[in-house]
Amino acid sequence: MASPAVPPPADSDGLDRPAQRARRERILDAAVALGSEGGYDAVQMRAVAERSGVALGTLYRYFPSKVQLLVSAMAREIDGIRLPSAERMAGLTPADRILAVLSRATKVFQRDPNLAGALVRAVMFADASATAEVDQVTQRMNSIIIRMMRGEDGDPTPRDIAVAGLIAKVWFVSEIQWLSGRTKARQVIDDLELVVRELVH
């Protein structure tokens, strides 16, 4: 199971941590299902509570707002991106490894436009109350890119970190443009390839 984007809150009902995590996963599953069915507007907190089988008050203890809930769901989706095997990574350049992962991430998001739109809108709407959740999304995406960039070759340099952040921003902006109909799906990959091959050698 992927690490949670935000640690679950302490419960007053005496449930142990595995039970809390299981409940949190059910809540995220419900939010993702509703987002997939009807996009951002379909993810209503009462509907999430009903579908996940938790009380509305319990839901708000885990996720104080819809935005925090959906941004946490996006962090979990990023955690689920399948990375190349060690054997395949060994045969690819750093740029090729990054592009392989970002292509997979792009295909996953574009396969479900309703859900992608819900998750991206949540990140765009996030204010200071969702800083921790947005930071988790950023850290997860940057971490994947840095891992593909460096492989097992020690700690990242300041330039590696800056480049990873820039590539992640290009990916996110490209997804926004695709969701708004301003660019085609294939163009997202083409733009990423241009940026990655320019920055990563």
Foldseek 3Di string as FASTA:
>chain_A
DDDFLDQFDDDPPPDDRVVSVVLLVLLLVLQLVQLLVAAQVSRDLVSSCVRSVHDSVSSCSRPVDSLLSLLRSLLVLLSPQDADDPVVLVVDALLVRLLVRLVSSLCVCVVRLSSVRNNLVSLVPDDPVNVSSNVSSLVSQLVSSLCSQQVPPDDDDPLSSVLSSVLVVLLSVLSVCVSVVNDPSVVSSVVSSVSSVVRGD
